[in-house]
Protein backbone atom coordinates (compact mmCIF):
# COMPACT_ATOMS: atom_id res chain seq x y z
CA MET A 1 20.03 -10.49 -14.05
CA VAL A 2 20.42 -13.63 -12.06
CA THR A 3 16.66 -14.91 -11.84
CA PRO A 4 14.76 -17.50 -9.30
CA HIS A 5 14.56 -20.98 -10.54
CA SER A 6 16.66 -20.29 -13.21
CA ARG A 7 18.91 -23.18 -12.05
CA LYS A 8 19.32 -26.31 -10.03
CA ALA A 9 18.48 -25.27 -5.70
CA THR A 10 21.15 -25.97 -3.59
CA ILE A 11 21.29 -28.69 -1.11
CA LEU A 12 20.83 -26.13 1.48
CA SER A 13 18.01 -24.60 0.18
CA ARG A 14 16.13 -27.87 -0.59
CA ILE A 15 16.48 -28.80 3.14
CA VAL A 16 15.37 -25.14 4.19
CA TRP A 17 12.14 -26.03 1.80
CA ARG A 18 11.40 -29.10 2.84
CA ILE A 19 11.64 -28.15 6.90
CA LEU A 20 8.71 -25.15 6.15
CA ARG A 21 6.75 -27.69 4.61
CA MET A 22 7.09 -30.11 7.46
CA LEU A 23 6.24 -27.17 10.04
CA TYR A 24 3.53 -26.46 7.63
CA ARG A 25 2.19 -29.80 7.73
CA LEU A 26 2.52 -30.32 11.38
CA GLN A 27 -0.01 -27.35 12.30
CA GLY A 28 -2.59 -29.68 10.04
CA PHE A 29 -3.92 -26.56 7.70
CA ARG A 30 -6.88 -27.10 5.04
CA LEU A 31 -6.47 -25.53 1.89
CA GLU A 32 -9.01 -24.28 -0.30
CA GLY A 33 -8.51 -23.08 -3.90
CA ARG A 34 -5.99 -23.86 -6.63
CA ALA A 35 -3.09 -23.20 -7.72
CA PRO A 36 -3.08 -20.42 -11.07
CA ASP A 37 -2.90 -22.44 -14.19
CA ILE A 38 -0.69 -18.91 -15.28
CA PRO A 39 3.13 -18.37 -15.42
CA LYS A 40 3.40 -14.82 -13.57
CA TYR A 41 1.71 -13.12 -11.07
CA ILE A 42 1.66 -11.87 -7.57
CA LEU A 43 0.58 -13.40 -5.13
CA VAL A 44 -1.15 -11.53 -1.70
CA GLY A 45 -1.34 -12.97 1.41
CA ALA A 46 -3.77 -11.62 4.16
CA PRO A 47 -4.20 -11.14 7.24
CA HIS A 48 -0.70 -10.64 8.61
CA THR A 49 -1.05 -11.07 12.38
CA THR A 50 1.75 -13.49 12.98
CA ASN A 51 5.40 -14.56 12.37
CA TRP A 52 3.48 -18.11 11.65
CA ASP A 53 2.23 -16.69 8.66
CA PHE A 54 5.64 -17.07 6.94
CA ILE A 55 5.57 -20.75 7.68
CA PHE A 56 2.13 -20.90 6.76
CA PHE A 57 2.33 -19.33 3.22
CA ALA A 58 5.33 -21.09 2.14
CA GLY A 59 4.32 -24.41 3.49
CA ALA A 60 1.01 -23.88 1.26
CA VAL A 61 2.83 -22.92 -2.26
CA LYS A 62 5.06 -25.80 -1.80
CA GLU A 63 2.14 -28.19 -1.19
CA MET A 64 0.55 -26.42 -3.90
CA GLY A 65 3.06 -26.96 -6.46
CA ILE A 66 4.27 -23.20 -6.59
CA ARG A 67 7.40 -21.76 -6.69
CA PRO A 68 7.71 -18.56 -4.78
CA SER A 69 9.52 -15.63 -5.10
CA PHE A 70 10.37 -12.81 -2.89
CA VAL A 71 12.19 -9.17 -2.83
CA GLY A 72 14.85 -8.71 -0.61
CA LYS A 73 17.21 -5.95 0.22
CA HIS A 74 19.92 -6.49 -2.39
CA THR A 75 23.03 -6.33 0.85
CA LEU A 76 21.03 -9.82 1.79
CA PHE A 77 22.82 -11.68 -1.41
CA LYS A 78 26.38 -10.53 -1.10
CA TRP A 79 28.79 -13.44 -0.29
CA PRO A 80 28.38 -16.34 1.19
CA MET A 81 24.48 -15.82 1.06
CA THR A 82 24.22 -14.81 -2.57
CA ARG A 83 23.19 -18.43 -3.86
CA PHE A 84 21.42 -19.68 -1.03
CA MET A 85 19.21 -15.98 -1.47
CA TYR A 86 18.56 -16.80 -5.02
CA ASP A 87 17.53 -20.58 -4.76
CA MET A 88 15.07 -19.79 -1.80
CA GLY A 89 13.38 -17.47 -4.77
CA GLY A 90 15.10 -13.82 -3.89
CA ILE A 91 14.78 -11.02 -5.98
CA PRO A 92 17.29 -8.26 -5.13
CA VAL A 93 16.35 -4.68 -5.26
CA ASP A 94 17.93 -1.85 -4.00
CA ARG A 95 15.90 0.21 -1.91
CA THR A 96 18.46 3.01 -1.24
CA ARG A 97 17.78 4.45 -4.69
CA LYS A 98 14.37 6.64 -5.06
CA GLY A 99 12.10 6.36 -7.57
CA ASN A 100 13.22 3.10 -8.78
CA TYR A 101 11.78 0.36 -6.57
CA VAL A 102 9.07 -0.62 -8.69
CA GLN A 103 10.18 -0.16 -11.97
CA ASN A 104 13.22 -2.55 -10.97
CA VAL A 105 10.81 -5.32 -9.90
CA ILE A 106 9.01 -5.06 -12.85
CA SER A 107 11.93 -5.42 -14.65
CA ALA A 108 12.51 -8.47 -12.84
CA ILE A 109 9.34 -9.89 -13.31
CA HIS A 110 9.44 -9.25 -17.25
CA GLU A 111 13.04 -11.06 -17.38
CA ALA A 112 11.59 -14.49 -15.68
CA GLU A 113 10.09 -17.41 -17.56
CA ASP A 114 7.86 -18.29 -14.13
CA ILE A 115 6.79 -15.86 -11.15
CA ALA A 116 5.11 -16.00 -7.90
CA LEU A 117 5.98 -13.08 -6.45
CA VAL A 118 4.93 -13.12 -2.45
CA VAL A 119 4.06 -9.80 -1.22
CA ALA A 120 2.23 -8.88 2.70
CA PRO A 121 0.29 -5.93 1.03
CA GLU A 122 -0.35 -4.75 4.79
CA GLY A 123 3.61 -4.23 5.56
CA SER A 124 3.24 -5.11 9.19
CA ARG A 125 1.39 -7.00 11.93
CA SER A 126 0.56 -4.01 13.32
CA SER A 127 -1.55 -2.61 10.41
CA ASP A 128 -4.74 -1.68 10.48
CA GLY A 129 -5.78 -2.97 7.74
CA ARG A 130 -4.89 -0.53 5.52
CA TRP A 131 -2.99 -2.01 2.14
CA ARG A 132 0.22 -0.24 0.68
CA SER A 133 -0.33 0.04 -2.93
CA GLY A 134 3.01 -1.07 -4.43
CA PHE A 135 1.88 -4.72 -5.03
CA TYR A 136 -0.59 -2.84 -7.09
CA HIS A 137 1.46 -0.73 -9.22
CA ILE A 138 3.54 -3.75 -9.90
CA ALA A 139 1.09 -6.03 -10.81
CA HIS A 140 -0.39 -3.27 -13.02
CA GLY A 141 2.96 -2.30 -14.53
CA ALA A 142 4.36 -5.72 -15.41
CA GLY A 143 0.63 -6.70 -16.94
CA ILE A 144 0.31 -9.40 -14.85
CA PRO A 145 -2.99 -10.69 -12.52
CA ILE A 146 -2.80 -10.37 -8.56
CA VAL A 147 -3.88 -13.63 -6.70
CA PRO A 148 -5.55 -13.06 -3.26
CA ALA A 149 -4.48 -15.72 -0.48
CA TRP A 150 -6.11 -16.08 3.51
CA VAL A 151 -4.94 -17.60 6.71
CA ASN A 152 -7.32 -18.10 9.45
CA HIS A 153 -5.11 -19.66 12.53
CA GLU A 154 -7.44 -20.05 14.42
CA ALA A 155 -9.60 -22.52 12.50
CA ARG A 156 -6.26 -23.63 10.79
CA ARG A 157 -7.33 -22.95 7.32
CA GLY A 158 -6.39 -20.96 3.91
CA GLY A 159 -6.53 -20.79 0.83
CA LEU A 160 -6.31 -18.83 -2.62
CA GLY A 161 -8.68 -17.12 -4.73
CA GLU A 162 -9.17 -16.39 -8.58
CA PRO A 163 -6.32 -14.27 -10.57
CA ILE A 164 -7.93 -10.50 -10.45
CA HIS A 165 -6.35 -8.48 -13.50
CA THR A 166 -5.96 -5.21 -12.84
CA THR A 167 -8.01 -2.42 -14.60
CA GLY A 168 -5.68 0.56 -13.61
CA ASP A 169 -7.90 1.86 -11.41
CA PHE A 170 -6.34 0.78 -7.85
CA HIS A 171 -9.40 1.52 -5.71
CA ALA A 172 -11.67 -0.23 -8.06
CA ASP A 173 -9.92 -3.17 -8.54
CA LEU A 174 -9.18 -3.05 -4.13
CA ALA A 175 -12.96 -3.52 -3.82
CA ARG A 176 -12.73 -6.64 -5.36
CA ILE A 177 -10.14 -7.95 -3.50
CA ALA A 178 -11.47 -6.49 -0.69
CA GLU A 179 -14.53 -8.52 -1.26
CA PHE A 180 -12.75 -11.63 -1.78
CA TYR A 181 -11.20 -11.12 1.36
CA LYS A 182 -14.60 -10.44 3.03
CA ALA A 183 -16.54 -13.52 1.62
CA ASN A 184 -14.06 -16.15 3.46
CA ARG A 185 -13.14 -14.21 6.32
CA PRO A 186 -16.27 -12.55 7.35
CA GLU A 187 -15.42 -11.66 10.86
CA CYS A 188 -11.93 -10.45 10.36
CA GLU A 189 -12.07 -6.20 11.56
CA ARG A 190 -9.18 -5.51 9.04
CA PHE A 191 -10.97 -5.99 5.59
CA ASP A 192 -13.40 -3.74 7.11
CA ILE A 193 -10.97 -1.31 7.12
CA LEU A 194 -9.65 -2.69 3.54
CA ALA A 195 -13.25 -2.19 2.30
CA ALA A 196 -13.29 1.21 3.65
CA GLN A 197 -9.81 2.58 2.16
CA ALA A 198 -11.46 0.97 -1.19
CA ARG A 199 -14.18 3.24 -1.07
CA GLY A 200 -12.27 6.48 0.35
CA GLU A 201 -13.82 6.44 3.11
CA VAL A 202 -9.99 6.22 4.80
CA GLU A 203 -6.45 7.51 3.59
CA ASP A 204 -4.22 4.61 1.76
CA VAL A 205 -0.72 4.40 2.95
CA GLY A 206 2.65 3.40 1.51
CA ARG A 207 4.83 4.70 -1.17
CA ALA A 208 3.95 6.50 -4.32
CA PRO A 209 3.90 4.60 -7.68
CA SER A 210 7.25 5.74 -8.68
CA ASP A 211 9.47 5.10 -5.13
């Protein structure tokens, strides 16, 4: 399998990353925290409320010297987009093959020498604050930590937290993640819902671990 960052990037992908970084800088964000000094981790970003989130996270991770990766539908990696998608950090996964999604991503992580897999666990901008569990099962199955990242578009601030190692207890670990987000965005109601999900007060959403 071809893995992200395994070869020199094309001119097109380098241009795109420069544009994303420039757009990020023009927004005037101030970052807190630092890039983790570990080779592999899941980078989760929240809250996901605007289309600008992609610009922020793409620019922020580049500013911190992180080479981000993402999971994409395998059909997006067909010619003529194949090389570009890989150079942008893409990992192709066939979502039509039931039961293989999480394991396929774990396999790609194992094959990579280093990887910062970016995931938006809320799933969509219309989320009520509950997180899908796929990111957690990938992190736990691959034996890599979760690094939480937050953003506040109104205040033009954002940052990263320390790596959180999974224990196998999804709700207990989710409570630790929710605590981090509440500390950095105490006014954000979505993280109240996230904390309630961790306590089992609202139902989980998303796919089962095997999906």
